[in-house]
Amino acid sequence: MYDWVNMGDRPANFQSAFIYSDELANYEYNPTHPFKPIRAKLTLDLCRRYDLIERPWIHIVKPEPLEFEAMAQFHDETYLKTLQAVDSAASAEGLSPDLKRGQEEDGLNIDPQILKYELGTDENPIFYGVYDYAALAAGATFLGAMMVGSGEVQVAFNPVGGFHHAGRDHAEGFCYVNDVAVAITHLIRKGLRVAFVDIDAHHCNGVQDAFYAEDRALVISLHETGRDLYPWSGFENEIGEGRGRGYNVNVPLPQNTDDEAFIRAFEAVVPPLLDAYAPDLVIAEIGADTHISDPLTHLSVTNFGYCQAVRKLVEKAPRLLALGGGGYDVYKTTRSWTLAWAILNDLEPRDEYVGIIGGMMFGPEMEVGDLQDKTVYTTGIVKDRINQELDRILKSIKETVFPIHKI
């Protein structure tokens, strides 16, 4: 069993928000695309099944699309207008609004000029409603950031959020609008100190680029090493520049990193930096593509190690906005997010239907009635190499970043 956060530590006025709409969850890039917004609905359904929603402090909050002007606080206006234009072109090509939102129609004509914005690629397809989808996802994160930033709620979760690859003037890596960068930009303009902690398996290159020379946002990313995985960046020597030096921290994890190594790396870096930086709030990207079963990555983390990291974030963050990020084994992702939501709300999952309805919908039969994985241990020479590499990386961070924060 996991150690759940002590209920007595929660303030009497504790409030939390699960940010969700059917409209957002029902978008689809195309039927074969690995990114599935439907994970949000499956997660909410699973949270209800495990009695994690019906509480007086928990609110299901419906987002609205973020206005152009708010997205333009970070994004290049020409890029946003291009995204609007390709959406309109998709509609003009005959994609009826009656079609399921987000389904790409074969034969849609793509203007080669838009490829410079990395639109119309296999990763970032053009589909009817693409701009509306991006604006709604950004609106969900922005809403969570405003609710957490104002103290209206202490924790919030937007499962269709965390598009951390999008650049100021281009789409990238399934991401059209960088909701993280938009939200952080707004928060620091309001005078808040923001820490962004990303445990998604892919490096947050778009967020790193946005704040690389900025000391008003601390960006920490634990991810599979860029030697082996897109976006091929996020090495330990990428620590920021100018006044931002020391405020960008990367922990590139070797292939086959297991729970033990993942937790060791996380605890060595994240808690001391959060303590030293003392943010007003933390935004955490809790992508579940670190999972050993994920088809796009090469780590060996289970939801045991994942939950240990989420638990530590809850302990260290004065207020917390969690974003879904990646996770391409859909049912393992929904399990991980359900456990994360339980930790955020200091609840223990309880299957209301055990013995009545089986668990095949959410995983293999051997896991019926239990969300929690058994931890996996990497052994032998592979584990030795992982530990040696982590020792080297952590030594570098402690020598280059920690002194800047007087740790």
Protein backbone atom coordinates (compact mmCIF):
# COMPACT_ATOMS: atom_id res chain seq x y z
CA MET A 1 0.00 0.00 0.00
CA TYR A 2 1.02 3.58 -0.54
CA ASP A 3 1.58 6.12 2.19
CA TRP A 4 -1.22 8.62 1.72
CA VAL A 5 -0.85 12.23 2.78
CA ASN A 6 -1.97 12.81 6.36
CA MET A 7 -5.56 14.09 6.30
CA GLY A 8 -4.87 16.23 9.33
CA ASP A 9 -2.40 18.35 7.37
CA ARG A 10 -5.10 19.55 4.99
CA PRO A 11 -6.51 23.03 5.77
CA ALA A 12 -10.14 23.14 6.85
CA ASN A 13 -10.99 25.27 3.79
CA PHE A 14 -9.29 22.90 1.32
CA GLN A 15 -10.84 22.97 -2.17
CA SER A 16 -9.86 21.15 -5.35
CA ALA A 17 -10.90 21.28 -9.01
CA PHE A 18 -11.00 18.59 -11.69
CA ILE A 19 -11.07 20.60 -14.91
CA TYR A 20 -13.04 18.74 -17.56
CA SER A 21 -15.46 18.98 -20.46
CA ASP A 22 -16.83 16.30 -22.76
CA GLU A 23 -16.10 18.59 -25.70
CA LEU A 24 -12.38 18.63 -24.95
CA ALA A 25 -12.16 14.91 -24.19
CA ASN A 26 -13.96 13.98 -27.43
CA TYR A 27 -11.47 15.59 -29.80
CA GLU A 28 -9.33 13.21 -31.83
CA TYR A 29 -6.30 14.10 -33.93
CA ASN A 30 -7.00 11.13 -36.17
CA PRO A 31 -7.90 7.51 -35.45
CA THR A 32 -4.30 6.26 -35.54
CA HIS A 33 -2.66 9.15 -33.68
CA PRO A 34 -1.16 8.09 -30.29
CA PHE A 35 -2.38 11.16 -28.40
CA LYS A 36 -5.88 10.45 -27.10
CA PRO A 37 -7.76 13.22 -25.24
CA ILE A 38 -10.41 10.61 -24.36
CA ARG A 39 -8.04 9.64 -21.52
CA ALA A 40 -9.62 12.51 -19.57
CA LYS A 41 -13.09 10.97 -19.70
CA LEU A 42 -11.75 7.52 -18.84
CA THR A 43 -9.90 8.99 -15.88
CA LEU A 44 -12.95 10.82 -14.58
CA ASP A 45 -14.99 7.64 -14.99
CA LEU A 46 -12.38 5.64 -13.10
CA CYS A 47 -12.19 8.26 -10.34
CA ARG A 48 -15.95 7.95 -9.93
CA ARG A 49 -15.70 4.16 -9.86
CA TYR A 50 -13.13 4.39 -7.06
CA ASP A 51 -15.18 6.92 -5.06
CA LEU A 52 -12.78 9.84 -5.60
CA ILE A 53 -15.18 12.55 -6.80
CA GLU A 54 -18.23 12.87 -4.54
CA ARG A 55 -16.71 15.04 -1.84
CA PRO A 56 -17.83 18.51 -0.73
CA TRP A 57 -14.46 20.08 -1.52
CA ILE A 58 -14.14 18.56 -5.03
CA HIS A 59 -15.51 20.53 -7.97
CA ILE A 60 -15.81 19.45 -11.60
CA VAL A 61 -15.12 22.69 -13.48
CA LYS A 62 -15.88 23.21 -17.16
CA PRO A 63 -13.27 25.26 -19.06
CA GLU A 64 -13.83 27.83 -21.78
CA PRO A 65 -11.57 28.48 -24.82
CA LEU A 66 -8.74 30.86 -24.03
CA GLU A 67 -8.95 34.15 -25.87
CA PHE A 68 -6.50 34.93 -28.68
CA GLU A 69 -5.02 37.85 -26.73
CA ALA A 70 -4.20 35.69 -23.73
CA MET A 71 -2.43 33.08 -25.87
CA ALA A 72 -0.58 35.90 -27.64
CA GLN A 73 1.03 36.90 -24.32
CA PHE A 74 3.40 34.05 -25.13
CA HIS A 75 2.77 32.93 -28.72
CA ASP A 76 3.61 34.76 -31.92
CA GLU A 77 0.41 36.30 -33.31
CA THR A 78 1.21 35.26 -36.88
CA TYR A 79 1.49 31.65 -35.78
CA LEU A 80 -1.84 31.79 -33.93
CA LYS A 81 -3.53 33.36 -36.95
CA THR A 82 -2.08 30.62 -39.14
CA LEU A 83 -3.51 28.01 -36.78
CA GLN A 84 -6.90 29.73 -37.08
CA ALA A 85 -6.57 29.84 -40.85
CA VAL A 86 -5.77 26.15 -41.26
CA ASP A 87 -8.76 25.34 -39.06
CA SER A 88 -10.97 27.43 -41.35
CA ALA A 89 -9.39 25.79 -44.40
CA ALA A 90 -10.14 22.36 -42.97
CA SER A 91 -13.78 23.36 -42.68
CA ALA A 92 -13.81 24.78 -46.22
CA GLU A 93 -12.38 21.51 -47.55
CA GLY A 94 -15.61 19.83 -46.59
CA LEU A 95 -15.05 18.64 -43.07
CA SER A 96 -18.57 19.00 -41.75
CA PRO A 97 -19.08 20.14 -38.16
CA ASP A 98 -21.32 17.09 -37.90
CA LEU A 99 -18.27 14.84 -38.16
CA LYS A 100 -16.72 13.77 -34.90
CA ARG A 101 -14.56 16.68 -33.82
CA GLY A 102 -10.90 16.24 -34.63
CA GLN A 103 -11.14 13.45 -37.18
CA GLU A 104 -8.87 14.17 -40.11
CA GLU A 105 -10.33 13.57 -43.57
CA ASP A 106 -8.17 11.82 -46.17
CA GLY A 107 -7.26 14.07 -49.05
CA LEU A 108 -7.24 17.37 -47.16
CA ASN A 109 -5.06 19.77 -49.14
CA ILE A 110 -2.08 21.04 -47.15
CA ASP A 111 -0.41 24.34 -48.08
CA PRO A 112 3.35 23.67 -48.06
CA GLN A 113 3.87 27.13 -46.54
CA ILE A 114 2.36 26.03 -43.26
CA LEU A 115 4.94 23.30 -42.81
CA LYS A 116 7.33 25.94 -41.49
CA TYR A 117 5.01 26.10 -38.50
CA GLU A 118 5.22 22.28 -38.26
CA LEU A 119 1.50 22.03 -39.00
CA GLY A 120 0.12 19.31 -41.23
CA THR A 121 2.72 16.74 -40.18
CA ASP A 122 2.04 13.24 -38.87
CA GLU A 123 2.76 14.53 -35.36
CA ASN A 124 0.67 17.69 -35.65
CA PRO A 125 -2.12 16.96 -38.15
CA ILE A 126 -4.63 19.52 -39.31
CA PHE A 127 -8.21 18.66 -38.49
CA TYR A 128 -11.54 20.39 -38.21
CA GLY A 129 -11.58 22.25 -34.91
CA VAL A 130 -7.82 22.18 -34.32
CA TYR A 131 -7.67 25.84 -33.23
CA ASP A 132 -10.74 25.49 -31.03
CA TYR A 133 -9.23 22.37 -29.46
CA ALA A 134 -5.92 24.10 -28.73
CA ALA A 135 -7.68 27.17 -27.31
CA LEU A 136 -9.94 25.02 -25.11
CA ALA A 137 -7.03 22.96 -23.76
CA ALA A 138 -5.10 26.17 -23.04
CA GLY A 139 -8.21 27.62 -21.44
CA ALA A 140 -8.46 24.61 -19.13
CA THR A 141 -4.87 25.07 -17.92
CA PHE A 142 -5.29 28.85 -17.67
CA LEU A 143 -8.44 28.38 -15.57
CA GLY A 144 -6.61 25.99 -13.26
CA ALA A 145 -3.70 28.40 -12.95
CA MET A 146 -6.02 31.28 -12.07
CA MET A 147 -7.94 29.21 -9.51
CA VAL A 148 -4.76 27.95 -7.86
CA GLY A 149 -2.93 31.25 -8.18
CA SER A 150 -5.75 33.17 -6.48
CA GLY A 151 -6.12 30.59 -3.70
CA GLU A 152 -9.68 29.74 -4.75
CA VAL A 153 -8.54 26.11 -4.75
CA GLN A 154 -5.42 24.52 -3.33
CA VAL A 155 -5.08 21.86 -6.03
CA ALA A 156 -6.41 21.50 -9.57
CA PHE A 157 -5.98 18.90 -12.29
CA ASN A 158 -6.37 19.36 -16.04
CA PRO A 159 -5.84 15.96 -17.68
CA VAL A 160 -5.89 17.48 -21.20
CA GLY A 161 -3.05 19.86 -20.44
CA GLY A 162 0.72 20.01 -20.45
CA PHE A 163 1.52 20.71 -24.11
CA HIS A 164 5.12 21.42 -23.22
CA HIS A 165 6.73 21.01 -26.65
CA ALA A 166 4.99 23.81 -28.59
CA GLY A 167 7.25 26.74 -29.41
CA ARG A 168 6.45 30.42 -29.49
CA ASP A 169 5.96 30.29 -33.27
CA HIS A 170 5.36 26.64 -34.12
CA ALA A 171 3.61 23.41 -33.20
CA GLU A 172 5.69 20.45 -32.08
CA GLY A 173 5.34 16.99 -30.59
CA PHE A 174 1.50 16.76 -30.59
CA CYS A 175 1.35 20.29 -29.11
CA TYR A 176 -0.23 23.28 -30.89
CA VAL A 177 -0.41 25.86 -28.07
CA ASN A 178 1.97 25.73 -25.11
CA ASP A 179 -0.60 26.05 -22.33
CA VAL A 180 2.15 25.77 -19.70
CA ALA A 181 4.14 28.71 -21.03
CA VAL A 182 0.98 30.79 -21.50
CA ALA A 183 -0.09 30.18 -17.90
CA ILE A 184 3.37 30.78 -16.40
CA THR A 185 3.79 33.99 -18.41
CA HIS A 186 0.53 35.31 -17.02
CA LEU A 187 1.29 34.27 -13.44
CA ILE A 188 4.74 35.84 -13.30
CA ARG A 189 3.34 39.06 -14.77
CA LYS A 190 1.01 39.09 -11.77
CA GLY A 191 4.06 38.88 -9.51
CA LEU A 192 3.84 35.21 -8.50
CA ARG A 193 6.83 32.93 -8.18
CA VAL A 194 6.16 29.78 -10.17
CA ALA A 195 7.94 26.43 -10.18
CA PHE A 196 7.25 24.01 -13.02
CA VAL A 197 8.11 20.38 -12.29
CA ASP A 198 7.79 17.98 -15.22
CA ILE A 199 7.95 14.20 -14.71
CA ASP A 200 6.69 13.35 -18.21
CA ALA A 201 9.07 11.01 -20.04
CA HIS A 202 9.71 13.63 -22.74
CA HIS A 203 11.78 16.75 -22.08
CA CYS A 204 9.80 20.00 -21.83
CA ASN A 205 11.79 21.76 -24.54
CA GLY A 206 9.10 24.36 -25.30
CA VAL A 207 8.86 25.45 -21.67
CA GLN A 208 12.64 25.39 -21.28
CA ASP A 209 13.08 27.65 -24.30
CA ALA A 210 10.39 30.04 -23.03
CA PHE A 211 12.06 30.71 -19.68
CA TYR A 212 15.71 29.84 -20.27
CA ALA A 213 16.87 33.37 -19.39
CA GLU A 214 14.23 33.98 -16.70
CA ASP A 215 14.67 33.75 -12.93
CA ARG A 216 11.00 34.30 -12.08
CA ALA A 217 10.16 30.73 -13.07
CA LEU A 218 12.00 27.62 -11.93
CA VAL A 219 11.79 24.81 -14.51
CA ILE A 220 12.72 21.27 -13.43
CA SER A 221 12.37 18.29 -15.77
CA LEU A 222 12.97 14.59 -15.15
CA HIS A 223 12.73 12.71 -18.45
CA GLU A 224 14.23 9.96 -20.54
CA THR A 225 17.61 11.06 -21.86
CA GLY A 226 17.64 13.03 -25.09
CA ARG A 227 20.26 10.62 -26.40
CA ASP A 228 17.47 8.09 -26.92
CA LEU A 229 14.18 9.98 -27.12
CA TYR A 230 12.49 12.99 -28.73
CA PRO A 231 12.98 15.95 -28.41
CA TRP A 232 16.68 15.00 -28.16
CA SER A 233 17.35 17.70 -25.54
CA GLY A 234 17.28 18.26 -21.80
CA PHE A 235 20.81 17.40 -20.72
CA GLU A 236 22.14 18.23 -17.28
CA ASN A 237 24.36 21.05 -18.60
CA GLU A 238 21.32 22.96 -19.89
CA ILE A 239 20.90 25.09 -16.76
CA GLY A 240 19.72 28.44 -18.14
CA GLU A 241 21.57 31.58 -19.14
CA GLY A 242 21.87 35.17 -18.00
CA ARG A 243 19.70 35.86 -15.00
CA GLY A 244 18.07 32.47 -15.64
CA ARG A 245 21.26 30.55 -14.96
CA GLY A 246 20.46 27.89 -12.39
CA TYR A 247 16.71 28.19 -12.89
CA ASN A 248 16.49 25.50 -15.56
CA VAL A 249 17.27 22.02 -14.26
CA ASN A 250 17.30 18.77 -16.23
CA VAL A 251 17.62 15.21 -14.97
CA PRO A 252 18.01 12.97 -18.06
CA LEU A 253 17.16 9.40 -17.07
CA PRO A 254 18.87 6.43 -18.71
CA GLN A 255 16.83 3.76 -20.45
CA ASN A 256 15.40 1.11 -18.08
CA THR A 257 15.33 3.50 -15.12
CA ASP A 258 13.15 1.75 -12.52
CA ASP A 259 11.12 3.02 -9.56
CA GLU A 260 14.09 2.94 -7.20
CA ALA A 261 16.33 5.00 -9.50
CA PHE A 262 13.51 7.36 -10.48
CA ILE A 263 12.63 8.11 -6.86
CA ARG A 264 16.30 8.58 -5.96
CA ALA A 265 16.78 11.11 -8.76
CA PHE A 266 13.55 12.94 -7.96
CA GLU A 267 14.21 13.24 -4.24
CA ALA A 268 17.80 14.35 -4.76
CA VAL A 269 16.78 17.29 -6.94
CA VAL A 270 13.17 18.40 -6.62
CA PRO A 271 12.52 18.83 -2.86
CA PRO A 272 15.71 20.80 -2.09
CA LEU A 273 15.18 23.11 -5.05
CA LEU A 274 11.53 23.74 -4.19
CA ASP A 275 12.51 24.45 -0.59
CA ALA A 276 15.18 26.91 -1.71
CA TYR A 277 13.08 28.62 -4.39
CA ALA A 278 9.93 28.86 -2.23
CA PRO A 279 7.40 29.27 -5.04
CA ASP A 280 3.92 30.66 -4.53
CA LEU A 281 2.58 27.72 -6.51
CA VAL A 282 3.80 24.69 -8.41
CA ILE A 283 2.64 23.57 -11.83
CA ALA A 284 3.40 19.88 -12.31
CA GLU A 285 3.26 17.94 -15.53
CA ILE A 286 2.46 14.41 -14.38
CA GLY A 287 2.66 12.55 -17.68
CA ALA A 288 2.40 8.79 -17.25
CA ASP A 289 4.56 7.86 -20.24
CA THR A 290 7.38 6.95 -17.85
CA HIS A 291 5.44 3.72 -17.29
CA ILE A 292 7.18 0.49 -18.22
CA SER A 293 4.31 -0.40 -20.57
CA ASP A 294 4.33 2.85 -22.55
CA PRO A 295 4.83 2.17 -26.29
CA LEU A 296 6.75 5.38 -27.03
CA THR A 297 9.36 5.38 -24.26
CA HIS A 298 12.01 3.11 -22.72
CA LEU A 299 11.78 3.54 -18.94
CA SER A 300 10.80 0.93 -16.34
CA VAL A 301 8.87 3.06 -13.88
CA THR A 302 5.55 1.77 -12.48
CA ASN A 303 2.80 3.76 -10.87
CA PHE A 304 4.44 2.98 -7.53
CA GLY A 305 7.41 5.24 -8.28
CA TYR A 306 5.15 7.69 -10.09
CA CYS A 307 2.92 8.06 -7.03
CA GLN A 308 5.89 8.59 -4.74
CA ALA A 309 6.86 11.60 -6.85
CA VAL A 310 3.31 12.98 -6.87
CA ARG A 311 3.10 12.53 -3.10
CA LYS A 312 6.33 14.48 -2.60
CA LEU A 313 5.03 17.27 -4.85
CA VAL A 314 1.88 17.52 -2.74
CA GLU A 315 4.00 17.78 0.39
CA LYS A 316 6.28 20.47 -1.02
CA ALA A 317 3.89 22.63 -3.05
CA PRO A 318 1.98 25.37 -1.22
CA ARG A 319 -0.59 25.14 -4.04
CA LEU A 320 -0.51 22.78 -6.99
CA LEU A 321 -1.82 22.65 -10.56
CA ALA A 322 -1.34 19.22 -12.15
CA LEU A 323 -1.42 18.69 -15.91
CA GLY A 324 -1.85 15.37 -17.68
CA GLY A 325 0.89 15.53 -20.30
CA GLY A 326 1.78 12.27 -22.07
CA GLY A 327 0.84 8.67 -21.59
CA TYR A 328 0.26 6.40 -24.57
CA ASP A 329 -0.79 3.20 -22.87
CA VAL A 330 -4.26 4.61 -22.38
CA TYR A 331 -5.45 2.40 -19.54
CA LYS A 332 -2.18 2.47 -17.59
CA THR A 333 -2.32 6.26 -17.90
CA THR A 334 -5.87 6.46 -16.55
CA ARG A 335 -4.84 4.27 -13.62
CA SER A 336 -1.84 6.50 -12.84
CA TRP A 337 -3.89 9.68 -13.09
CA THR A 338 -6.61 8.21 -10.88
CA LEU A 339 -4.02 7.43 -8.22
CA ALA A 340 -2.56 10.92 -8.61
CA TRP A 341 -6.00 12.48 -8.14
CA ALA A 342 -6.44 10.40 -4.98
CA ILE A 343 -3.13 11.71 -3.62
CA LEU A 344 -3.99 15.30 -4.54
CA ASN A 345 -7.17 14.98 -2.49
CA ASP A 346 -5.80 12.85 0.33
CA LEU A 347 -8.12 9.95 -0.45
CA GLU A 348 -7.62 6.22 -0.76
CA PRO A 349 -9.26 4.61 -3.81
CA ARG A 350 -12.11 2.25 -2.98
CA ASP A 351 -13.67 0.21 -5.80
CA GLU A 352 -17.42 0.60 -5.40
CA TYR A 353 -18.10 -2.22 -7.85
CA VAL A 354 -15.61 -4.87 -6.83
CA GLY A 355 -17.23 -8.27 -7.15
CA ILE A 356 -19.95 -6.83 -9.39
CA ILE A 357 -18.15 -5.37 -12.39
CA GLY A 358 -14.74 -6.68 -13.47
CA GLY A 359 -11.70 -4.55 -14.21
CA MET A 360 -11.03 -5.71 -17.76
CA MET A 361 -11.90 -2.26 -19.11
CA PHE A 362 -8.86 -0.82 -17.38
CA GLY A 363 -6.27 -3.54 -17.64
CA PRO A 364 -5.49 -7.23 -17.66
CA GLU A 365 -7.54 -9.59 -15.58
CA MET A 366 -4.74 -10.14 -13.07
CA GLU A 367 -5.15 -6.51 -11.98
CA VAL A 368 -8.90 -6.57 -11.40
CA GLY A 369 -9.82 -4.55 -8.34
CA ASP A 370 -6.40 -2.94 -7.88
CA LEU A 371 -5.09 0.25 -9.44
CA GLN A 372 -1.61 -0.16 -8.03
CA ASP A 373 1.28 -1.82 -9.83
CA LYS A 374 3.88 -4.03 -8.27
CA THR A 375 7.22 -2.28 -8.51
CA VAL A 376 9.74 -3.53 -11.06
CA TYR A 377 13.45 -3.76 -10.23
CA THR A 378 16.16 -3.48 -12.84
CA THR A 379 19.12 -5.66 -11.85
CA GLY A 380 22.66 -6.64 -12.73
CA ILE A 381 24.93 -4.71 -15.05
CA VAL A 382 22.01 -2.65 -16.41
CA LYS A 383 21.20 -1.34 -12.93
CA ASP A 384 24.86 -0.65 -12.25
CA ARG A 385 25.08 1.46 -15.41
CA ILE A 386 21.92 3.35 -14.48
CA ASN A 387 23.25 4.14 -11.02
CA GLN A 388 26.61 5.25 -12.39
CA GLU A 389 24.94 7.56 -14.88
CA LEU A 390 22.61 9.02 -12.24
CA ASP A 391 25.56 9.56 -9.91
CA ARG A 392 27.29 11.55 -12.63
CA ILE A 393 24.18 13.63 -13.44
CA LEU A 394 23.28 14.37 -9.84
CA LYS A 395 26.90 15.35 -9.07
CA SER A 396 26.79 17.82 -11.97
CA ILE A 397 23.54 19.39 -10.78
CA LYS A 398 24.77 19.68 -7.21
CA GLU A 399 27.97 21.35 -8.39
CA THR A 400 26.46 23.76 -10.93
CA VAL A 401 22.87 24.50 -9.85
CA PHE A 402 22.69 23.98 -6.10
CA PRO A 403 25.28 26.69 -5.20
CA ILE A 404 23.21 29.25 -7.11
CA HIS A 405 20.32 28.52 -4.76
CA LYS A 406 22.59 28.30 -1.72
CA ILE A 407 21.86 24.62 -1.20
